[in-house]
Amino acid sequence: MRKIVLLGSPVAHSLSPAIQNAAFETAGLDIRYEAMEVSPEDLAAAIATLRTSEWLGANVTIPHKEAVLPLLDEIHPSAVQTSAVNTIVNSDGHLEGHNTDLEGFVRDLEANWKIPVDARSLILGAGGGARAVAFGLAKKDLDLLLIARNEPRAEKIAEDIRRKYAVEITTLPWNDESFAAATGQCRLIVNATPLGMAPNDETSPWPSDVHFPPDAFIYDLVYSPRETQLVQQARQAGLQALSGDGMLLNQAAIAYELWVGRPAPRAEMREALDEVLERPRIRERLNVQTEVRDA
């Protein structure tokens, strides 16, 4: 049996084992995916173990997505752009780091919304999820507006994007004035913060007294609950809105294909994801979101 591991802290909440093991079983592959709690001081030893032949690779989640970079032999351009690794592929002891968040987001967005050529996008947050989203949208030549509590991190994202893409990108502080200023400008709004995530699912990043931009598409990276407060607000305003389970599925499928070199059984992975999201007490269990970080 070959093995793949999720490295992070915490990892008990992760849906990845259910999704990936369903995929391996469907494909008849003798591969087992497991989650392993790894502290920062034990990360280097855990990465060294991956070089042995029994390991196909790993997923990496918080707090190790950036710390793992110098421990690998090669960094794929997807991880260079985002300055974070969430997938490791072991090729005869040679470890290559990838990031599937960016492509996972773009694929799901394009499957559900036709991206206008002249659109401007608003991203809420400045963590790892926001960075992946920002680079994915900049690659599509979309101008960007970032509203974040962590203004230095938001400006770092903006600086890095300006060095690579000829798009306009602006950062604003997290206050009602910034949200109001964005209402006439943006066609796409992406929440890349944990606001609205179970068990605090009565919260929303969008101020209740600020109108959404007309005809905007709302994308919430949070996937538990299935319909977040932000998604509800948007739909009540007559707008299209989507939660982040599609991004989760896409980034998992891309990782699967990197490990095994064959198309992922997406239907079975979707079925496994839907099943685990509908389990009793899922809101209590999912108190951490791996793909969504700092506001």
Protein backbone atom coordinates (compact mmCIF):
# COMPACT_ATOMS: atom_id res chain seq x y z
CA MET A 1 0.00 0.00 0.00
CA ARG A 2 1.18 3.52 -0.89
CA LYS A 3 0.31 6.39 1.42
CA ILE A 4 -0.48 10.09 1.29
CA VAL A 5 -0.67 12.27 4.38
CA LEU A 6 -2.17 15.60 5.35
CA LEU A 7 0.31 17.58 7.47
CA GLY A 8 -0.99 20.37 9.67
CA SER A 9 -2.23 21.47 13.04
CA PRO A 10 -5.10 21.02 13.59
CA VAL A 11 -6.22 18.38 11.08
CA ALA A 12 -9.08 16.53 12.82
CA HIS A 13 -11.63 18.72 11.01
CA SER A 14 -10.33 17.99 7.52
CA LEU A 15 -12.62 16.60 4.82
CA SER A 16 -9.68 15.56 2.63
CA PRO A 17 -9.39 11.96 3.90
CA ALA A 18 -13.03 11.25 3.05
CA ILE A 19 -12.74 12.81 -0.42
CA GLN A 20 -9.41 11.25 -1.40
CA ASN A 21 -10.04 7.78 0.02
CA ALA A 22 -13.34 7.65 -1.89
CA ALA A 23 -11.41 8.49 -5.05
CA PHE A 24 -8.76 5.83 -4.48
CA GLU A 25 -11.39 3.19 -3.71
CA THR A 26 -13.34 4.08 -6.86
CA ALA A 27 -10.20 3.78 -8.99
CA GLY A 28 -9.18 0.49 -7.36
CA LEU A 29 -5.88 1.96 -6.17
CA ASP A 30 -4.08 0.54 -3.15
CA ILE A 31 -3.49 4.00 -1.66
CA ARG A 32 -4.49 5.28 1.76
CA TYR A 33 -4.87 8.93 2.73
CA GLU A 34 -4.54 9.90 6.38
CA ALA A 35 -4.28 13.07 8.44
CA MET A 36 -1.34 13.67 10.77
CA GLU A 37 -1.05 16.37 13.43
CA VAL A 38 2.42 17.89 13.03
CA SER A 39 3.84 20.71 15.12
CA PRO A 40 6.13 23.33 13.54
CA GLU A 41 9.18 21.86 15.28
CA ASP A 42 8.43 18.39 13.83
CA LEU A 43 7.73 19.55 10.27
CA ALA A 44 11.24 18.97 8.89
CA ALA A 45 11.31 15.38 10.17
CA ALA A 46 7.85 14.70 8.71
CA ILE A 47 8.94 16.02 5.30
CA ALA A 48 12.08 13.87 5.38
CA THR A 49 9.91 10.78 5.94
CA LEU A 50 8.02 11.53 2.71
CA ARG A 51 11.11 10.73 0.65
CA THR A 52 10.73 6.98 1.23
CA SER A 53 9.03 4.84 -1.42
CA GLU A 54 5.84 4.14 0.55
CA TRP A 55 4.78 7.79 0.30
CA LEU A 56 3.28 9.22 -2.88
CA GLY A 57 3.20 12.67 -1.36
CA ALA A 58 1.21 14.89 0.96
CA ASN A 59 -1.17 17.75 1.42
CA VAL A 60 -0.05 20.63 3.62
CA THR A 61 -2.37 22.87 5.59
CA ILE A 62 -2.10 25.54 8.27
CA PRO A 63 0.30 26.51 9.75
CA HIS A 64 2.85 24.88 7.42
CA LYS A 65 2.03 26.11 3.89
CA GLU A 66 4.85 28.66 3.86
CA ALA A 67 7.26 26.98 6.27
CA VAL A 68 7.48 23.89 4.06
CA LEU A 69 8.91 25.77 1.07
CA PRO A 70 12.65 25.55 2.00
CA LEU A 71 12.31 21.85 2.92
CA LEU A 72 11.46 20.77 -0.65
CA ASP A 73 13.66 20.08 -3.67
CA GLU A 74 11.58 21.94 -6.25
CA ILE A 75 8.78 24.48 -6.17
CA HIS A 76 6.23 24.44 -8.99
CA PRO A 77 5.26 27.87 -10.45
CA SER A 78 1.80 27.53 -8.88
CA ALA A 79 3.42 27.57 -5.44
CA VAL A 80 5.98 30.22 -6.35
CA GLN A 81 3.16 32.63 -7.23
CA THR A 82 1.23 32.03 -4.04
CA SER A 83 4.31 31.65 -1.80
CA ALA A 84 2.58 28.61 -0.31
CA VAL A 85 2.52 24.85 -0.85
CA ASN A 86 -0.55 22.72 -0.22
CA THR A 87 0.43 19.62 -2.24
CA ILE A 88 3.71 17.66 -2.33
CA VAL A 89 4.57 15.03 -4.94
CA ASN A 90 7.27 12.44 -4.19
CA SER A 91 9.12 11.24 -7.31
CA ASP A 92 11.76 8.71 -6.18
CA GLY A 93 12.70 10.84 -3.19
CA HIS A 94 12.52 14.15 -5.05
CA LEU A 95 9.88 16.36 -3.44
CA GLU A 96 8.09 18.96 -5.54
CA GLY A 97 5.71 21.48 -3.98
CA HIS A 98 2.53 22.64 -5.73
CA ASN A 99 -0.41 24.86 -4.87
CA THR A 100 -3.80 23.67 -6.12
CA ASP A 101 -5.88 26.38 -4.42
CA LEU A 102 -5.43 28.92 -7.21
CA GLU A 103 -6.48 26.60 -10.04
CA GLY A 104 -9.19 25.03 -7.89
CA PHE A 105 -10.79 28.43 -7.36
CA VAL A 106 -10.52 29.54 -10.99
CA ARG A 107 -11.99 26.29 -12.32
CA ASP A 108 -15.00 26.50 -10.04
CA LEU A 109 -15.56 30.18 -10.75
CA GLU A 110 -15.41 29.67 -14.53
CA ALA A 111 -17.79 26.72 -14.28
CA ASN A 112 -20.40 28.93 -12.64
CA TRP A 113 -19.82 32.45 -13.99
CA LYS A 114 -18.68 33.92 -17.30
CA ILE A 115 -15.86 36.27 -16.38
CA PRO A 116 -16.35 39.65 -18.11
CA VAL A 117 -13.29 41.03 -19.86
CA ASP A 118 -13.60 44.40 -18.11
CA ALA A 119 -14.58 43.21 -14.64
CA ARG A 120 -13.11 44.50 -11.41
CA SER A 121 -13.02 42.11 -8.46
CA LEU A 122 -13.23 42.74 -4.74
CA ILE A 123 -11.40 40.33 -2.44
CA LEU A 124 -12.10 40.35 1.29
CA GLY A 125 -9.10 39.23 3.34
CA ALA A 126 -5.33 39.02 3.04
CA GLY A 127 -4.46 35.45 4.08
CA GLY A 128 -3.46 32.44 2.02
CA GLY A 129 -6.88 32.03 0.44
CA ALA A 130 -7.00 35.70 -0.57
CA ARG A 131 -3.54 35.46 -2.09
CA ALA A 132 -4.47 32.45 -4.23
CA VAL A 133 -7.67 34.14 -5.37
CA ALA A 134 -5.88 37.38 -6.18
CA PHE A 135 -3.26 35.69 -8.34
CA GLY A 136 -5.91 33.57 -10.05
CA LEU A 137 -7.95 36.64 -10.98
CA ALA A 138 -4.92 38.72 -11.95
CA LYS A 139 -3.95 35.91 -14.33
CA LYS A 140 -7.35 36.48 -15.97
CA ASP A 141 -6.45 40.19 -16.41
CA LEU A 142 -8.98 41.40 -13.84
CA ASP A 143 -8.32 44.58 -11.87
CA LEU A 144 -8.49 44.00 -8.11
CA LEU A 145 -9.57 45.72 -4.93
CA LEU A 146 -8.53 44.23 -1.58
CA ILE A 147 -10.24 45.09 1.70
CA ALA A 148 -8.49 43.56 4.71
CA ARG A 149 -7.90 44.04 8.40
CA ASN A 150 -4.26 43.08 7.93
CA GLU A 151 -3.26 45.97 5.69
CA PRO A 152 0.47 45.11 5.47
CA ARG A 153 -0.37 41.61 4.21
CA ALA A 154 -2.84 43.04 1.70
CA GLU A 155 -0.23 45.47 0.39
CA LYS A 156 2.32 42.63 0.10
CA ILE A 157 -0.15 40.73 -2.10
CA ALA A 158 -0.63 43.88 -4.18
CA GLU A 159 3.12 44.43 -4.58
CA ASP A 160 3.74 40.84 -5.65
CA ILE A 161 0.94 40.97 -8.22
CA ARG A 162 2.15 44.28 -9.66
CA ARG A 163 5.54 42.69 -10.31
CA LYS A 164 3.98 39.95 -12.43
CA TYR A 165 0.73 41.25 -13.94
CA ALA A 166 -0.26 44.51 -15.64
CA VAL A 167 -3.49 44.92 -13.67
CA GLU A 168 -4.67 47.68 -11.40
CA ILE A 169 -4.79 46.62 -7.75
CA THR A 170 -5.83 48.78 -4.80
CA THR A 171 -5.91 48.03 -1.06
CA LEU A 172 -8.31 49.59 1.42
CA PRO A 173 -8.76 49.30 5.21
CA TRP A 174 -11.57 47.20 6.68
CA ASN A 175 -14.35 49.71 7.39
CA ASP A 176 -17.80 50.62 6.13
CA GLU A 177 -16.41 53.47 4.04
CA SER A 178 -14.25 51.05 2.07
CA PHE A 179 -17.16 48.68 1.49
CA ALA A 180 -19.37 51.57 0.36
CA ALA A 181 -16.64 52.79 -2.00
CA ALA A 182 -16.58 49.37 -3.68
CA THR A 183 -20.28 49.12 -4.40
CA GLY A 184 -20.22 50.87 -7.75
CA GLN A 185 -17.01 49.32 -9.02
CA CYS A 186 -16.94 45.55 -8.65
CA ARG A 187 -18.59 42.77 -10.64
CA LEU A 188 -17.16 39.96 -8.49
CA ILE A 189 -16.89 39.77 -4.68
CA VAL A 190 -14.87 36.97 -3.07
CA ASN A 191 -14.88 36.34 0.67
CA ALA A 192 -11.52 34.87 1.66
CA THR A 193 -11.98 35.35 5.39
CA PRO A 194 -13.37 32.88 7.99
CA LEU A 195 -16.34 35.17 8.69
CA GLY A 196 -19.55 33.17 8.39
CA MET A 197 -17.91 29.79 8.96
CA ALA A 198 -19.51 27.26 11.31
CA PRO A 199 -19.95 27.35 14.23
CA ASN A 200 -20.11 31.17 13.91
CA ASP A 201 -22.37 30.96 10.89
CA GLU A 202 -24.59 33.88 11.83
CA THR A 203 -21.83 36.32 10.91
CA SER A 204 -21.07 37.86 7.53
CA PRO A 205 -18.16 39.93 6.23
CA TRP A 206 -20.55 42.22 4.34
CA PRO A 207 -22.02 45.14 6.34
CA SER A 208 -25.80 44.92 6.54
CA ASP A 209 -26.24 48.62 5.77
CA VAL A 210 -24.14 48.60 2.58
CA HIS A 211 -25.75 47.61 -0.72
CA PHE A 212 -24.04 45.08 -2.95
CA PRO A 213 -22.79 46.30 -6.33
CA PRO A 214 -25.52 45.81 -8.95
CA ASP A 215 -25.26 42.57 -10.95
CA ALA A 216 -22.33 41.35 -8.85
CA PHE A 217 -21.44 37.67 -8.50
CA ILE A 218 -20.66 36.63 -4.90
CA TYR A 219 -18.22 33.80 -4.17
CA ASP A 220 -17.67 32.70 -0.56
CA LEU A 221 -14.67 30.44 0.05
CA VAL A 222 -16.37 29.22 3.23
CA TYR A 223 -18.13 25.89 2.59
CA SER A 224 -19.64 25.11 6.00
CA PRO A 225 -22.49 25.89 6.24
CA ARG A 226 -23.40 25.07 2.66
CA GLU A 227 -25.24 28.40 2.39
CA THR A 228 -23.41 31.03 4.39
CA GLN A 229 -24.89 34.25 5.71
CA LEU A 230 -23.09 36.12 2.92
CA VAL A 231 -24.60 33.85 0.27
CA GLN A 232 -28.03 34.34 1.80
CA GLN A 233 -27.58 38.13 1.81
CA ALA A 234 -26.57 38.10 -1.84
CA ARG A 235 -29.42 35.88 -2.98
CA GLN A 236 -31.93 37.97 -1.05
CA ALA A 237 -30.59 40.94 -3.01
CA GLY A 238 -31.28 39.06 -6.24
CA LEU A 239 -27.65 38.23 -6.98
CA GLN A 240 -25.93 35.00 -7.96
CA ALA A 241 -23.88 33.54 -5.11
CA LEU A 242 -21.77 30.44 -4.52
CA SER A 243 -20.13 28.76 -1.53
CA GLY A 244 -16.64 27.28 -1.54
CA ASP A 245 -17.25 23.52 -1.66
CA GLY A 246 -16.63 23.54 -5.41
CA MET A 247 -13.20 25.04 -4.90
CA LEU A 248 -12.46 22.40 -2.26
CA LEU A 249 -13.48 19.64 -4.67
CA ASN A 250 -11.44 21.05 -7.55
CA GLN A 251 -8.24 21.53 -5.59
CA ALA A 252 -8.57 17.98 -4.22
CA ALA A 253 -9.09 16.58 -7.73
CA ILE A 254 -6.03 18.43 -9.05
CA ALA A 255 -3.92 17.04 -6.19
CA TYR A 256 -5.19 13.50 -6.91
CA GLU A 257 -4.13 13.85 -10.55
CA LEU A 258 -0.68 15.06 -9.55
CA TRP A 259 -0.17 12.01 -7.32
CA VAL A 260 -1.53 9.23 -9.54
CA GLY A 261 -1.23 10.64 -13.06
CA ARG A 262 -4.79 9.89 -14.14
CA PRO A 263 -8.09 11.80 -14.21
CA ALA A 264 -9.80 12.13 -10.85
CA PRO A 265 -13.19 10.41 -10.34
CA ARG A 266 -14.89 13.73 -9.65
CA ALA A 267 -18.44 12.36 -9.36
CA GLU A 268 -17.43 10.01 -6.55
CA MET A 269 -15.36 12.71 -4.86
CA ARG A 270 -18.34 15.06 -5.01
CA GLU A 271 -20.59 12.37 -3.53
CA ALA A 272 -18.16 11.82 -0.65
CA LEU A 273 -17.90 15.56 -0.03
CA ASP A 274 -21.67 16.02 -0.02
CA GLU A 275 -22.08 13.12 2.38
CA VAL A 276 -19.59 14.40 4.93
CA LEU A 277 -20.95 17.96 4.77
CA GLU A 278 -24.43 16.66 5.56
CA ARG A 279 -23.41 14.52 8.52
CA PRO A 280 -24.92 15.37 11.91
CA ARG A 281 -22.86 17.79 14.02
CA ILE A 282 -20.80 18.86 11.00
CA ARG A 283 -21.07 22.49 12.16
CA GLU A 284 -19.53 21.64 15.51
CA ARG A 285 -16.77 19.60 13.90
CA LEU A 286 -15.77 22.11 11.26
CA ASN A 287 -14.55 24.87 13.54
CA VAL A 288 -11.47 25.54 11.41
CA GLN A 289 -11.36 26.16 7.67
CA THR A 290 -8.11 25.16 5.98
CA GLU A 291 -8.49 27.20 2.83
CA VAL A 292 -9.65 30.45 4.43
CA ARG A 293 -7.48 32.50 6.74
CA ASP A 294 -6.89 36.01 8.05
CA ALA A 295 -9.27 38.87 7.41
